[in-house]
N, C-alpha and C. Protein backbone atom coordinates (compact mmCIF):
# COMPACT_ATOMS: atom_id res chain seq x y z
N GLN A 1 -200.20 -94.18 -92.63
CA GLN A 1 -199.50 -95.14 -93.45
C GLN A 1 -198.14 -95.45 -92.84
N VAL A 2 -197.64 -96.61 -93.18
CA VAL A 2 -196.34 -97.02 -92.64
C VAL A 2 -195.22 -96.18 -93.24
N GLN A 3 -194.35 -95.70 -92.38
CA GLN A 3 -193.15 -94.97 -92.83
C GLN A 3 -191.95 -95.47 -92.05
N LEU A 4 -190.85 -95.66 -92.77
CA LEU A 4 -189.58 -96.04 -92.18
C LEU A 4 -188.53 -95.05 -92.68
N VAL A 5 -187.84 -94.40 -91.75
CA VAL A 5 -186.87 -93.38 -92.12
C VAL A 5 -185.53 -93.69 -91.46
N GLU A 6 -184.55 -94.03 -92.30
CA GLU A 6 -183.21 -94.35 -91.79
C GLU A 6 -182.36 -93.09 -91.69
N SER A 7 -181.39 -93.15 -90.78
CA SER A 7 -180.41 -92.08 -90.64
C SER A 7 -179.15 -92.66 -90.01
N GLY A 8 -178.07 -91.88 -90.05
CA GLY A 8 -176.86 -92.28 -89.36
C GLY A 8 -175.73 -92.78 -90.24
N GLY A 9 -175.98 -92.90 -91.53
CA GLY A 9 -174.92 -93.35 -92.42
C GLY A 9 -173.84 -92.29 -92.58
N GLY A 10 -172.77 -92.68 -93.26
CA GLY A 10 -171.69 -91.74 -93.50
C GLY A 10 -170.44 -92.44 -93.96
N LEU A 11 -169.36 -91.67 -93.96
CA LEU A 11 -168.04 -92.18 -94.36
C LEU A 11 -167.22 -92.43 -93.10
N VAL A 12 -166.62 -93.61 -93.01
CA VAL A 12 -165.84 -93.98 -91.85
C VAL A 12 -164.65 -94.80 -92.30
N GLN A 13 -163.56 -94.72 -91.56
CA GLN A 13 -162.38 -95.52 -91.88
C GLN A 13 -162.57 -96.96 -91.39
N ALA A 14 -161.89 -97.87 -92.03
CA ALA A 14 -161.92 -99.26 -91.59
C ALA A 14 -161.54 -99.35 -90.12
N GLY A 15 -162.29 -100.18 -89.39
CA GLY A 15 -162.10 -100.31 -87.96
C GLY A 15 -162.96 -99.39 -87.13
N GLY A 16 -163.61 -98.45 -87.78
CA GLY A 16 -164.46 -97.49 -87.09
C GLY A 16 -165.85 -98.02 -86.82
N SER A 17 -166.69 -97.13 -86.29
CA SER A 17 -168.04 -97.49 -85.89
C SER A 17 -169.05 -96.47 -86.40
N LEU A 18 -170.26 -96.94 -86.60
CA LEU A 18 -171.41 -96.09 -86.91
C LEU A 18 -172.63 -96.70 -86.24
N ARG A 19 -173.60 -95.85 -85.95
CA ARG A 19 -174.89 -96.34 -85.47
C ARG A 19 -175.98 -95.82 -86.39
N LEU A 20 -176.69 -96.74 -86.98
CA LEU A 20 -177.82 -96.40 -87.82
C LEU A 20 -179.11 -96.41 -87.00
N SER A 21 -180.03 -95.55 -87.39
CA SER A 21 -181.35 -95.50 -86.76
C SER A 21 -182.42 -95.63 -87.83
N CYS A 22 -183.53 -96.22 -87.43
CA CYS A 22 -184.70 -96.29 -88.30
C CYS A 22 -185.91 -95.90 -87.47
N ALA A 23 -186.48 -94.76 -87.79
CA ALA A 23 -187.67 -94.28 -87.10
C ALA A 23 -188.90 -94.77 -87.84
N ALA A 24 -189.79 -95.44 -87.12
CA ALA A 24 -190.97 -96.06 -87.72
C ALA A 24 -192.23 -95.36 -87.27
N SER A 25 -193.24 -95.36 -88.12
CA SER A 25 -194.53 -94.78 -87.77
C SER A 25 -195.62 -95.42 -88.62
N GLY A 26 -196.86 -95.27 -88.15
CA GLY A 26 -198.00 -95.74 -88.93
C GLY A 26 -198.50 -97.12 -88.59
N TYR A 27 -197.92 -97.74 -87.56
CA TYR A 27 -198.35 -99.08 -87.15
C TYR A 27 -197.88 -99.29 -85.70
N ARG A 28 -198.27 -100.44 -85.12
CA ARG A 28 -197.90 -100.74 -83.75
C ARG A 28 -196.49 -101.32 -83.72
N PHE A 29 -195.53 -100.46 -83.53
CA PHE A 29 -194.11 -100.82 -83.63
C PHE A 29 -193.74 -101.97 -82.71
N SER A 30 -194.21 -101.92 -81.47
CA SER A 30 -193.75 -102.88 -80.46
C SER A 30 -194.18 -104.32 -80.76
N ASP A 31 -195.16 -104.50 -81.61
CA ASP A 31 -195.70 -105.84 -81.89
C ASP A 31 -195.02 -106.53 -83.06
N ASN A 32 -194.08 -105.85 -83.70
CA ASN A 32 -193.55 -106.36 -84.96
C ASN A 32 -192.02 -106.48 -84.97
N ALA A 33 -191.56 -107.56 -85.64
CA ALA A 33 -190.12 -107.70 -85.87
C ALA A 33 -189.66 -106.65 -86.86
N MET A 34 -188.39 -106.28 -86.74
CA MET A 34 -187.77 -105.31 -87.65
C MET A 34 -186.47 -105.90 -88.18
N ARG A 35 -186.13 -105.49 -89.38
CA ARG A 35 -184.94 -106.03 -90.03
C ARG A 35 -184.09 -104.92 -90.65
N TRP A 36 -182.82 -105.20 -90.75
CA TRP A 36 -181.90 -104.37 -91.55
C TRP A 36 -181.39 -105.23 -92.72
N TYR A 37 -181.36 -104.61 -93.88
CA TYR A 37 -180.76 -105.20 -95.07
C TYR A 37 -179.71 -104.22 -95.60
N ARG A 38 -178.89 -104.70 -96.51
CA ARG A 38 -177.93 -103.82 -97.17
C ARG A 38 -177.74 -104.26 -98.62
N GLN A 39 -177.34 -103.30 -99.43
CA GLN A 39 -177.05 -103.58 -100.84
C GLN A 39 -175.77 -102.87 -101.23
N GLY A 40 -174.73 -103.65 -101.44
CA GLY A 40 -173.45 -103.09 -101.85
C GLY A 40 -173.42 -102.84 -103.35
N PRO A 41 -172.43 -102.09 -103.81
CA PRO A 41 -172.33 -101.78 -105.23
C PRO A 41 -172.20 -103.05 -106.07
N GLY A 42 -173.11 -103.22 -107.02
CA GLY A 42 -173.10 -104.38 -107.90
C GLY A 42 -173.53 -105.68 -107.24
N LYS A 43 -174.13 -105.57 -106.05
CA LYS A 43 -174.52 -106.78 -105.32
C LYS A 43 -176.02 -106.83 -105.11
N ARG A 44 -176.51 -108.02 -104.77
CA ARG A 44 -177.91 -108.17 -104.41
C ARG A 44 -178.14 -107.66 -102.99
N ARG A 45 -179.37 -107.24 -102.72
CA ARG A 45 -179.71 -106.84 -101.36
C ARG A 45 -179.65 -108.07 -100.47
N GLU A 46 -179.06 -107.91 -99.28
CA GLU A 46 -178.89 -109.05 -98.38
C GLU A 46 -179.33 -108.70 -96.97
N HIS A 47 -179.80 -109.72 -96.27
CA HIS A 47 -180.22 -109.55 -94.88
C HIS A 47 -179.00 -109.32 -94.00
N VAL A 48 -179.14 -108.41 -93.05
CA VAL A 48 -178.07 -108.12 -92.10
C VAL A 48 -178.44 -108.61 -90.71
N ALA A 49 -179.62 -108.20 -90.23
CA ALA A 49 -180.01 -108.54 -88.86
C ALA A 49 -181.51 -108.40 -88.70
N THR A 50 -182.05 -109.16 -87.77
CA THR A 50 -183.47 -109.10 -87.41
C THR A 50 -183.60 -109.03 -85.90
N ILE A 51 -184.56 -108.24 -85.45
CA ILE A 51 -184.91 -108.23 -84.03
C ILE A 51 -186.40 -108.48 -83.91
N SER A 52 -186.76 -109.44 -83.08
CA SER A 52 -188.17 -109.78 -82.90
C SER A 52 -188.85 -108.76 -81.99
N SER A 53 -190.16 -108.92 -81.85
CA SER A 53 -190.92 -108.04 -80.96
C SER A 53 -190.47 -108.20 -79.51
N SER A 54 -189.93 -109.35 -79.18
CA SER A 54 -189.43 -109.59 -77.82
C SER A 54 -187.92 -109.36 -77.72
N SER A 55 -187.35 -108.72 -78.76
CA SER A 55 -185.94 -108.33 -78.79
C SER A 55 -184.97 -109.48 -78.96
N TYR A 56 -185.46 -110.62 -79.46
CA TYR A 56 -184.53 -111.68 -79.86
C TYR A 56 -183.89 -111.27 -81.19
N ALA A 57 -182.56 -111.38 -81.24
CA ALA A 57 -181.83 -110.90 -82.41
C ALA A 57 -181.13 -112.05 -83.14
N ASN A 58 -181.06 -111.94 -84.46
CA ASN A 58 -180.20 -112.84 -85.21
C ASN A 58 -179.51 -112.06 -86.31
N TYR A 59 -178.37 -112.60 -86.75
CA TYR A 59 -177.47 -111.86 -87.62
C TYR A 59 -176.98 -112.72 -88.78
N ALA A 60 -176.69 -112.06 -89.88
CA ALA A 60 -176.01 -112.72 -90.98
C ALA A 60 -174.57 -113.01 -90.56
N ASP A 61 -174.03 -114.10 -91.10
CA ASP A 61 -172.69 -114.51 -90.69
C ASP A 61 -171.63 -113.42 -90.87
N PRO A 62 -171.66 -112.64 -91.97
CA PRO A 62 -170.58 -111.65 -92.17
C PRO A 62 -170.52 -110.57 -91.10
N VAL A 63 -171.60 -110.37 -90.33
CA VAL A 63 -171.62 -109.27 -89.37
C VAL A 63 -171.67 -109.75 -87.92
N LYS A 64 -171.77 -111.06 -87.72
CA LYS A 64 -171.83 -111.58 -86.35
C LYS A 64 -170.62 -111.17 -85.55
N GLY A 65 -170.88 -110.71 -84.33
CA GLY A 65 -169.80 -110.29 -83.45
C GLY A 65 -169.36 -108.85 -83.66
N ARG A 66 -169.83 -108.22 -84.73
CA ARG A 66 -169.45 -106.83 -85.01
C ARG A 66 -170.64 -105.88 -84.97
N PHE A 67 -171.81 -106.35 -85.39
CA PHE A 67 -173.01 -105.51 -85.44
C PHE A 67 -173.97 -105.94 -84.33
N THR A 68 -174.72 -104.96 -83.83
CA THR A 68 -175.75 -105.22 -82.82
C THR A 68 -177.02 -104.49 -83.20
N ILE A 69 -178.11 -105.25 -83.31
CA ILE A 69 -179.42 -104.64 -83.56
C ILE A 69 -180.14 -104.48 -82.23
N SER A 70 -180.84 -103.37 -82.08
CA SER A 70 -181.61 -103.13 -80.85
C SER A 70 -182.84 -102.30 -81.20
N ARG A 71 -183.73 -102.20 -80.25
CA ARG A 71 -184.95 -101.42 -80.48
C ARG A 71 -185.34 -100.67 -79.23
N ASP A 72 -185.97 -99.53 -79.44
CA ASP A 72 -186.53 -98.71 -78.36
C ASP A 72 -188.00 -98.52 -78.69
N ASN A 73 -188.84 -99.30 -78.03
CA ASN A 73 -190.27 -99.24 -78.37
C ASN A 73 -190.90 -97.91 -77.96
N ALA A 74 -190.34 -97.25 -76.97
CA ALA A 74 -190.87 -95.94 -76.55
C ALA A 74 -190.63 -94.89 -77.64
N LYS A 75 -189.58 -95.08 -78.44
CA LYS A 75 -189.24 -94.13 -79.50
C LYS A 75 -189.61 -94.65 -80.89
N ASN A 76 -190.19 -95.84 -80.96
CA ASN A 76 -190.53 -96.44 -82.26
C ASN A 76 -189.32 -96.45 -83.19
N THR A 77 -188.19 -96.85 -82.64
CA THR A 77 -186.94 -96.79 -83.39
C THR A 77 -186.16 -98.09 -83.24
N VAL A 78 -185.57 -98.53 -84.35
CA VAL A 78 -184.66 -99.66 -84.34
C VAL A 78 -183.28 -99.16 -84.72
N TYR A 79 -182.26 -99.74 -84.10
CA TYR A 79 -180.89 -99.29 -84.29
C TYR A 79 -180.02 -100.43 -84.84
N LEU A 80 -178.95 -100.03 -85.48
CA LEU A 80 -177.93 -100.99 -85.88
C LEU A 80 -176.57 -100.39 -85.51
N GLN A 81 -175.98 -100.91 -84.45
CA GLN A 81 -174.65 -100.48 -84.04
C GLN A 81 -173.63 -101.31 -84.82
N MET A 82 -172.77 -100.64 -85.55
CA MET A 82 -171.80 -101.32 -86.41
C MET A 82 -170.40 -100.97 -85.94
N ASN A 83 -169.69 -101.97 -85.48
CA ASN A 83 -168.31 -101.80 -85.01
C ASN A 83 -167.34 -102.56 -85.90
N SER A 84 -166.08 -102.24 -85.77
CA SER A 84 -165.03 -102.92 -86.55
C SER A 84 -165.39 -102.99 -88.03
N LEU A 85 -165.80 -101.86 -88.56
CA LEU A 85 -166.28 -101.82 -89.94
C LEU A 85 -165.15 -102.15 -90.92
N LYS A 86 -165.56 -102.81 -92.00
CA LYS A 86 -164.64 -103.23 -93.05
C LYS A 86 -165.07 -102.60 -94.38
N PRO A 87 -164.15 -102.46 -95.32
CA PRO A 87 -164.55 -101.92 -96.62
C PRO A 87 -165.70 -102.70 -97.27
N GLU A 88 -165.76 -103.99 -97.03
CA GLU A 88 -166.83 -104.80 -97.63
C GLU A 88 -168.20 -104.54 -96.98
N ASP A 89 -168.23 -103.76 -95.91
CA ASP A 89 -169.51 -103.35 -95.33
C ASP A 89 -170.11 -102.15 -96.07
N THR A 90 -169.37 -101.59 -97.01
CA THR A 90 -169.87 -100.46 -97.79
C THR A 90 -171.14 -100.87 -98.54
N ALA A 91 -172.21 -100.11 -98.31
CA ALA A 91 -173.51 -100.46 -98.89
C ALA A 91 -174.52 -99.37 -98.53
N VAL A 92 -175.67 -99.45 -99.18
CA VAL A 92 -176.83 -98.72 -98.71
C VAL A 92 -177.57 -99.64 -97.75
N TYR A 93 -177.85 -99.14 -96.56
CA TYR A 93 -178.51 -99.93 -95.53
C TYR A 93 -179.98 -99.53 -95.45
N TYR A 94 -180.84 -100.55 -95.43
CA TYR A 94 -182.28 -100.34 -95.45
C TYR A 94 -182.94 -100.96 -94.23
N CYS A 95 -183.90 -100.27 -93.72
CA CYS A 95 -184.78 -100.77 -92.68
C CYS A 95 -185.95 -101.48 -93.36
N ASN A 96 -186.43 -102.57 -92.76
CA ASN A 96 -187.47 -103.38 -93.40
C ASN A 96 -188.49 -103.86 -92.40
N LEU A 97 -189.74 -103.92 -92.86
CA LEU A 97 -190.86 -104.39 -92.04
C LEU A 97 -191.81 -105.21 -92.92
N TRP A 98 -192.20 -106.39 -92.41
CA TRP A 98 -193.31 -107.13 -92.99
C TRP A 98 -194.53 -106.82 -92.13
N TYR A 99 -195.59 -106.30 -92.75
CA TYR A 99 -196.76 -105.90 -91.97
C TYR A 99 -197.98 -106.00 -92.83
N GLY A 100 -198.98 -106.74 -92.35
CA GLY A 100 -200.21 -106.88 -93.12
C GLY A 100 -199.99 -107.48 -94.49
N SER A 101 -199.09 -108.44 -94.56
CA SER A 101 -198.71 -109.15 -95.79
C SER A 101 -198.00 -108.26 -96.81
N LEU A 102 -197.63 -107.07 -96.40
CA LEU A 102 -196.88 -106.18 -97.27
C LEU A 102 -195.46 -106.00 -96.74
N ASN A 103 -194.56 -105.70 -97.66
CA ASN A 103 -193.15 -105.53 -97.34
C ASN A 103 -192.80 -104.05 -97.48
N TYR A 104 -192.35 -103.44 -96.40
CA TYR A 104 -192.05 -102.01 -96.41
C TYR A 104 -190.55 -101.79 -96.28
N TRP A 105 -190.08 -100.76 -97.00
CA TRP A 105 -188.66 -100.39 -96.96
C TRP A 105 -188.51 -98.91 -96.70
N GLY A 106 -187.46 -98.55 -96.00
CA GLY A 106 -187.09 -97.15 -95.92
C GLY A 106 -186.36 -96.72 -97.17
N GLN A 107 -185.91 -95.46 -97.17
CA GLN A 107 -185.24 -94.92 -98.36
C GLN A 107 -183.77 -95.32 -98.41
N GLY A 108 -183.24 -95.81 -97.30
CA GLY A 108 -181.86 -96.25 -97.24
C GLY A 108 -180.92 -95.16 -96.77
N THR A 109 -179.81 -95.59 -96.19
CA THR A 109 -178.77 -94.66 -95.78
C THR A 109 -177.42 -95.25 -96.20
N GLN A 110 -176.58 -94.41 -96.79
CA GLN A 110 -175.32 -94.88 -97.37
C GLN A 110 -174.25 -95.00 -96.28
N VAL A 111 -173.60 -96.14 -96.26
CA VAL A 111 -172.43 -96.35 -95.39
C VAL A 111 -171.25 -96.65 -96.30
N THR A 112 -170.20 -95.86 -96.14
CA THR A 112 -168.98 -96.06 -96.93
C THR A 112 -167.81 -96.24 -95.98
N VAL A 113 -167.10 -97.35 -96.13
CA VAL A 113 -165.97 -97.66 -95.26
C VAL A 113 -164.70 -97.61 -96.12
N SER A 114 -163.82 -96.70 -95.78
CA SER A 114 -162.57 -96.54 -96.53
C SER A 114 -161.47 -97.40 -95.92
N SER A 115 -160.59 -97.88 -96.77
CA SER A 115 -159.49 -98.74 -96.29
C SER A 115 -158.26 -97.93 -95.92
């Protein structure tokens, strides 16, 4: 079965960096696009970044120039490098996959940015 497991969240000061990881299993990782979403306190879940199977990336406007999504097909892992973090980046970050007409989510990892 499909499993997505995020890690790498934590508490960081504004201006700092974190790298999130999402380890995937249960399907052919290299053939599928992967996405990161986030949900801040009292906010709707929002798209952060997508990476295609060919590693084409796109980003939500609030994170452009600061976040980088990447993938390692040998490790079945997608990453989100987050630099120049701001307090408004505080959220639970989720890994996401559309596969076989189903939408899969990881359990999320908390990122807290202090001012």
